Protein backbone atom coordinates (compact mmCIF):
# COMPACT_ATOMS: atom_id res chain seq x y z
CA UNK A 1 0.00 0.00 0.00
CA UNK A 2 1.39 3.40 -1.02
CA UNK A 3 2.22 5.93 1.68
CA UNK A 4 -0.46 8.61 1.95
CA UNK A 5 0.80 12.04 0.85
CA UNK A 6 0.26 14.64 3.59
CA UNK A 7 -2.38 17.29 3.07
CA UNK A 8 -1.23 20.88 3.26
CA UNK A 9 -3.41 23.68 4.62
CA UNK A 10 -2.75 27.43 4.32
CA UNK A 11 -3.66 29.36 7.50
CA UNK A 12 -3.86 33.05 6.70
CA UNK A 13 -3.50 35.64 9.44
CA UNK A 14 -4.18 39.34 9.11
CA UNK A 15 -1.95 41.77 10.96
CA UNK A 16 -3.57 44.84 12.49
CA UNK A 17 -2.72 48.29 11.17
CA UNK A 18 0.66 49.54 12.47
CA UNK A 19 1.32 46.15 14.09
CA UNK A 20 4.25 43.82 13.51
CA UNK A 21 3.10 41.07 15.89
CA UNK A 22 -0.14 39.12 16.12
CA UNK A 23 -0.24 37.33 19.48
CA UNK A 24 -2.55 34.39 20.21
CA UNK A 25 -2.22 34.11 23.98
CA UNK A 26 -4.09 32.59 26.89
CA UNK A 27 -6.03 29.56 27.97
CA UNK A 28 -7.73 29.05 24.58
CA UNK A 29 -4.45 27.48 23.43
CA UNK A 30 -4.53 24.73 26.07
CA UNK A 31 -5.82 21.81 23.98
CA UNK A 32 -4.98 18.61 22.16
CA UNK A 33 -3.02 19.35 18.99
CA UNK A 34 -2.72 17.62 15.64
CA UNK A 35 -5.41 15.02 15.15
CA UNK A 36 -3.58 13.60 12.12
CA UNK A 37 0.23 13.77 12.04
CA UNK A 38 0.30 13.55 8.24
CA UNK A 39 -1.63 16.82 7.82
CA UNK A 40 0.60 19.88 7.79
CA UNK A 41 -0.15 23.59 7.54
CA UNK A 42 1.72 26.82 6.83
CA UNK A 43 1.23 30.53 7.48
CA UNK A 44 1.78 33.84 5.75
CA UNK A 45 3.90 35.15 8.68
CA UNK A 46 6.74 33.77 10.78
CA UNK A 47 5.26 31.73 13.64
CA UNK A 48 6.88 31.67 17.08
CA UNK A 49 5.54 29.09 19.53
CA UNK A 50 6.12 28.81 23.27
CA UNK A 51 5.26 25.50 24.99
CA UNK A 52 4.30 25.76 28.67
CA UNK A 53 3.07 22.22 29.27
CA UNK A 54 2.31 18.92 27.58
CA UNK A 55 4.24 16.47 25.46
CA UNK A 56 4.07 15.48 21.85
CA UNK A 57 5.63 15.81 18.43
CA UNK A 58 6.54 18.91 16.49
CA UNK A 59 6.68 18.23 12.76
CA UNK A 60 8.81 20.72 10.82
CA UNK A 61 8.61 19.78 7.15
CA UNK A 62 10.41 16.41 7.15
CA UNK A 63 11.77 16.55 10.71
CA UNK A 64 10.02 15.36 13.86
CA UNK A 65 11.05 16.67 17.29
CA UNK A 66 9.65 15.71 20.70
CA UNK A 67 8.23 18.74 22.50
CA UNK A 68 7.72 19.39 26.20
CA UNK A 69 7.35 22.40 28.48
CA UNK A 70 10.12 24.92 27.81
CA UNK A 71 10.37 24.23 24.08
CA UNK A 72 10.07 26.97 21.47
CA UNK A 73 9.62 26.95 17.72
CA UNK A 74 10.43 29.55 15.10
CA UNK A 75 8.78 28.63 11.82
CA UNK A 76 9.27 30.75 8.69
CA UNK A 77 6.34 31.75 6.51
CA UNK A 78 5.22 29.12 3.99
CA UNK A 79 7.00 26.36 5.93
CA UNK A 80 4.93 23.14 6.41
CA UNK A 81 4.60 22.12 10.06
CA UNK A 82 2.25 20.78 12.74
CA UNK A 83 2.15 19.79 16.39
CA UNK A 84 0.62 16.61 17.77
CA UNK A 85 0.11 15.92 21.46
CA UNK A 86 0.50 12.51 23.01
CA UNK A 87 -2.76 10.48 22.94
CA UNK A 88 -5.34 11.67 25.49
CA UNK A 89 -3.16 14.65 26.47
CA UNK A 90 -3.41 18.38 26.07
CA UNK A 91 -0.64 20.88 25.61
CA UNK A 92 -0.47 24.58 26.36
CA UNK A 93 1.20 26.61 23.64
CA UNK A 94 1.02 30.30 22.88
CA UNK A 95 1.61 31.60 19.37
CA UNK A 96 2.90 34.82 17.91
CA UNK A 97 3.14 35.80 14.27
CA UNK A 98 5.84 38.27 13.22
CA UNK A 99 5.75 40.46 10.12
CA UNK A 100 9.49 40.21 9.48
CA UNK A 101 9.27 41.96 6.11
CA UNK A 102 8.11 45.07 7.98
CA UNK A 103 10.82 44.61 10.64
CA UNK A 104 13.50 44.30 7.95
CA UNK A 105 12.25 47.50 6.26
CA UNK A 106 12.64 49.29 9.62
CA UNK A 107 16.14 47.88 10.04
CA UNK A 108 17.13 48.93 6.53
CA UNK A 109 15.96 52.49 7.24
CA UNK A 110 17.99 52.69 10.46
CA UNK A 111 21.15 50.96 9.25
CA UNK A 112 24.28 52.97 8.50
CA UNK A 113 25.23 50.35 5.94
CA UNK A 114 22.22 49.51 3.83
CA UNK A 115 21.28 45.96 4.74
CA UNK A 116 20.61 43.46 2.00
CA UNK A 117 17.16 42.56 3.29
CA UNK A 118 16.58 40.01 0.54
CA UNK A 119 19.67 38.11 1.66
CA UNK A 120 18.59 38.35 5.31
CA UNK A 121 15.03 37.17 4.66
CA UNK A 122 16.33 34.26 2.58
CA UNK A 123 18.62 33.26 5.47
CA UNK A 124 15.83 33.58 8.04
CA UNK A 125 13.20 31.80 5.95
CA UNK A 126 15.40 28.87 4.92
CA UNK A 127 14.73 26.61 7.90
CA UNK A 128 12.67 26.28 11.05
CA UNK A 129 14.18 26.25 14.52
CA UNK A 130 13.10 23.96 17.37
CA UNK A 131 14.86 24.38 20.72
CA UNK A 132 14.56 24.32 24.47
CA UNK A 133 14.75 27.77 26.06
CA UNK A 134 17.99 26.87 27.86
CA UNK A 135 19.68 26.11 24.52
CA UNK A 136 19.28 29.65 23.14
CA UNK A 137 18.80 31.83 26.20
CA UNK A 138 19.20 35.24 24.45
CA UNK A 139 16.53 34.71 21.82
CA UNK A 140 14.28 32.94 24.37
CA UNK A 141 14.40 36.01 26.61
CA UNK A 142 13.60 38.29 23.67
CA UNK A 143 10.64 36.08 22.68
CA UNK A 144 9.31 36.08 26.25
CA UNK A 145 9.66 39.86 26.46
CA UNK A 146 7.80 40.26 23.15
CA UNK A 147 5.07 38.03 24.56
CA UNK A 148 4.80 40.20 27.70
CA UNK A 149 4.60 43.41 25.67
CA UNK A 150 1.83 41.92 23.53
CA UNK A 151 -0.07 40.84 26.63
CA UNK A 152 0.25 44.11 28.59
CA UNK A 153 0.18 46.65 25.77
CA UNK A 154 1.75 49.22 28.09
CA UNK A 155 2.61 52.78 27.09
CA UNK A 156 4.59 52.84 23.79
CA UNK A 157 4.44 49.05 23.43
CA UNK A 158 4.58 49.27 19.61
CA UNK A 159 7.85 51.20 19.80
CA UNK A 160 9.24 48.70 22.31
CA UNK A 161 8.15 45.80 20.08
CA UNK A 162 9.97 47.33 17.09
CA UNK A 163 13.24 47.29 19.04
CA UNK A 164 12.66 43.79 20.41
CA UNK A 165 11.81 42.45 16.96
CA UNK A 166 15.04 43.91 15.55
CA UNK A 167 16.96 42.21 18.39
CA UNK A 168 15.08 38.99 17.56
CA UNK A 169 16.23 39.21 13.92
CA UNK A 170 19.87 39.79 14.91
CA UNK A 171 19.88 36.84 17.37
CA UNK A 172 18.18 34.57 14.84
CA UNK A 173 20.80 35.51 12.21
CA UNK A 174 23.53 34.67 14.73
CA UNK A 175 21.94 31.30 15.51
CA UNK A 176 21.82 30.55 11.77
CA UNK A 177 25.52 31.56 11.60
CA UNK A 178 24.89 34.44 9.22
CA UNK A 179 27.82 36.69 10.00
CA UNK A 180 29.90 39.60 8.77
CA UNK A 181 30.20 37.97 5.35
CA UNK A 182 26.62 39.09 4.79
CA UNK A 183 26.54 41.34 1.72
CA UNK A 184 25.68 44.99 2.32
CA UNK A 185 24.61 47.57 -0.17
CA UNK A 186 26.21 50.99 -0.52
CA UNK A 187 26.65 52.81 2.79
CA UNK A 188 24.37 55.73 3.48
CA UNK A 189 26.13 59.11 3.43
CA UNK A 190 25.39 61.76 6.03
């Protein structure tokens, strides 16, 4: 019998005006995940997941990782993935979607040396990242701070998020070993 080809579902999210993060937080995300491991989905934005409890499998294209509390995922746009909890279990994840194209435009505007944002986005969108928070402490702390800003929406939270998202991009580039060999366009003159 031939192996069943996985189905692929597009899950579209709409970002609010002047927003760079869509945060899906709270108890609604405590549930069983992934009824059928062969069905994958993808999004129009980068997805960042934080696991607080539960166990199961995280499917990232052709790779399967075992998740538990303390795990995080960073999944590029258009990247097939899914989570599946252990039978008869629930998991508690929270999800955030980042508009990295907008973040990269901000970074390009602020950079002394014009960043090659196409090169950067290709590097960031090439592969997904699955890790325990202890493995990548810097980016984990940034992600948790972004989550808190989205939850509280304190004074000037959008401005704070812009800075945190730029820090997120830099740390993610470092994790992917994109370094000073990154091409830059002509420097800006002042």
